[in-house]
Amino acid sequence: MWEPSGVEQGTLAYWLKVPETIRSMRLWQAQSNPRYDVQAGDGAVPGYVRVRYQAGGSMASFQDAVVRDGFACADKDRIELQCERRQGDGYDQVYASYDWQSDIITVRAEFTTL
């Protein structure tokens, strides 16, 4: 099965493999073009789509935006954030880390595909 990685918005792989529910999601404070990784489910293990990009702004404003979208966050410290939400049988996670030298937040979000 074809499981593309590093998929850019607007490409054929993006339209064929990234579910519409994920394509239509808002990206929080995005400053770079997102990349999508698609992993198919295997038996009882559901598939997921991972979105990777860089964001701007403060970690506090980033966390506020994620929480507004229904995530609960554990604020480990001012440079790392882990958030999650459950929707039915799905389980979504957001990881963010702040690099103070470049003033950039690196985001990795995983969305269960059922």
Protein backbone atom coordinates (compact mmCIF):
# COMPACT_ATOMS: atom_id res chain seq x y z
CA MET A 1 0.00 0.00 0.00
CA TRP A 2 1.25 3.48 -0.88
CA GLU A 3 2.03 5.54 2.26
CA PRO A 4 3.51 8.84 1.09
CA SER A 5 5.74 10.96 3.31
CA GLY A 6 6.62 14.64 3.06
CA VAL A 7 3.54 15.39 0.96
CA GLU A 8 3.05 19.05 0.05
CA GLN A 9 -0.31 20.79 -0.20
CA GLY A 10 -1.84 20.76 -3.68
CA THR A 11 0.08 17.74 -5.01
CA LEU A 12 -1.60 14.63 -6.39
CA ALA A 13 -0.57 12.65 -3.30
CA TYR A 14 -2.14 15.35 -1.10
CA TRP A 15 -5.50 15.11 -2.88
CA LEU A 16 -5.47 11.31 -3.04
CA LYS A 17 -4.13 10.35 0.39
CA VAL A 18 -4.77 13.15 2.91
CA PRO A 19 -8.40 12.93 4.14
CA GLU A 20 -10.61 15.98 3.55
CA THR A 21 -11.17 16.40 7.30
CA ILE A 22 -7.44 16.95 7.74
CA ARG A 23 -7.01 19.04 4.58
CA SER A 24 -9.66 21.45 5.89
CA MET A 25 -8.14 21.81 9.38
CA ARG A 26 -6.72 25.11 10.48
CA LEU A 27 -2.96 25.16 11.04
CA TRP A 28 -2.01 27.05 14.19
CA GLN A 29 0.21 30.10 13.56
CA ALA A 30 1.85 28.44 10.52
CA GLN A 31 4.89 30.18 9.04
CA SER A 32 6.08 27.36 6.78
CA ASN A 33 4.35 25.11 4.30
CA PRO A 34 3.14 21.95 6.03
CA ARG A 35 4.32 18.46 5.11
CA TYR A 36 2.02 15.47 5.50
CA ASP A 37 2.98 11.85 6.25
CA VAL A 38 0.30 9.19 5.70
CA GLN A 39 0.37 5.87 7.57
CA ALA A 40 -2.30 3.27 6.79
CA GLY A 41 -3.90 1.28 9.58
CA ASP A 42 -2.88 -2.31 10.21
CA GLY A 43 -5.56 -4.61 11.61
CA ALA A 44 -6.72 -3.21 14.95
CA VAL A 45 -4.18 -0.37 14.80
CA PRO A 46 -5.71 2.71 13.15
CA GLY A 47 -3.88 4.76 10.56
CA TYR A 48 -2.88 8.36 11.02
CA VAL A 49 -1.79 11.45 9.18
CA ARG A 50 1.11 13.45 10.60
CA VAL A 51 1.40 17.17 9.82
CA ARG A 52 4.77 18.89 10.29
CA TYR A 53 5.44 22.61 10.02
CA GLN A 54 6.96 25.63 11.73
CA ALA A 55 4.88 28.21 13.57
CA GLY A 56 5.50 31.71 14.84
CA GLY A 57 4.34 33.64 17.86
CA SER A 58 4.62 32.71 21.49
CA MET A 59 4.08 29.25 22.97
CA ALA A 60 1.29 30.74 25.10
CA SER A 61 -0.64 32.00 22.06
CA PHE A 62 0.03 28.70 20.25
CA GLN A 63 -1.34 26.74 23.23
CA ASP A 64 -4.41 29.00 23.40
CA ALA A 65 -5.17 28.31 19.72
CA VAL A 66 -4.77 24.54 20.14
CA VAL A 67 -6.99 24.51 23.24
CA ARG A 68 -9.69 26.46 21.35
CA ASP A 69 -9.77 23.55 18.89
CA GLY A 70 -10.63 21.07 21.64
CA PHE A 71 -7.23 19.83 22.79
CA ALA A 72 -6.13 19.45 26.40
CA CYS A 73 -2.49 20.40 26.93
CA ALA A 74 0.16 19.47 29.44
CA ASP A 75 2.52 22.43 29.71
CA LYS A 76 5.82 20.70 30.45
CA ASP A 77 7.81 23.91 30.38
CA ARG A 78 8.02 27.06 28.29
CA ILE A 79 9.77 25.33 25.40
CA GLU A 80 7.79 22.10 25.00
CA LEU A 81 4.08 21.38 24.75
CA GLN A 82 2.07 18.16 24.42
CA CYS A 83 -1.68 18.23 23.69
CA GLU A 84 -4.29 15.58 22.95
CA ARG A 85 -7.96 15.09 22.24
CA ARG A 86 -10.28 12.16 21.72
CA GLN A 87 -13.05 12.21 19.15
CA GLY A 88 -15.10 9.02 19.15
CA ASP A 89 -12.58 6.24 18.53
CA GLY A 90 -9.98 8.72 17.26
CA TYR A 91 -7.03 10.05 19.22
CA ASP A 92 -5.21 13.17 18.06
CA GLN A 93 -1.94 14.58 19.42
CA VAL A 94 0.01 17.80 19.00
CA TYR A 95 3.65 18.18 19.97
CA ALA A 96 5.35 21.55 19.84
CA SER A 97 8.81 22.71 20.81
CA TYR A 98 10.16 26.24 20.90
CA ASP A 99 13.65 27.19 19.70
CA TRP A 100 14.50 30.50 21.37
CA GLN A 101 17.50 31.12 19.09
CA SER A 102 15.42 31.08 15.90
CA ASP A 103 12.17 32.16 17.62
CA ILE A 104 10.33 29.31 15.85
CA ILE A 105 7.89 26.69 17.13
CA THR A 106 8.30 23.28 15.51
CA VAL A 107 4.93 21.51 15.30
CA ARG A 108 4.14 17.83 14.79
CA ALA A 109 0.46 16.88 14.91
CA GLU A 110 -0.90 13.35 14.44
CA PHE A 111 -4.52 12.68 13.57
CA THR A 112 -6.04 9.20 13.74
CA THR A 113 -7.76 8.08 10.54
CA LEU A 114 -10.46 5.47 11.09
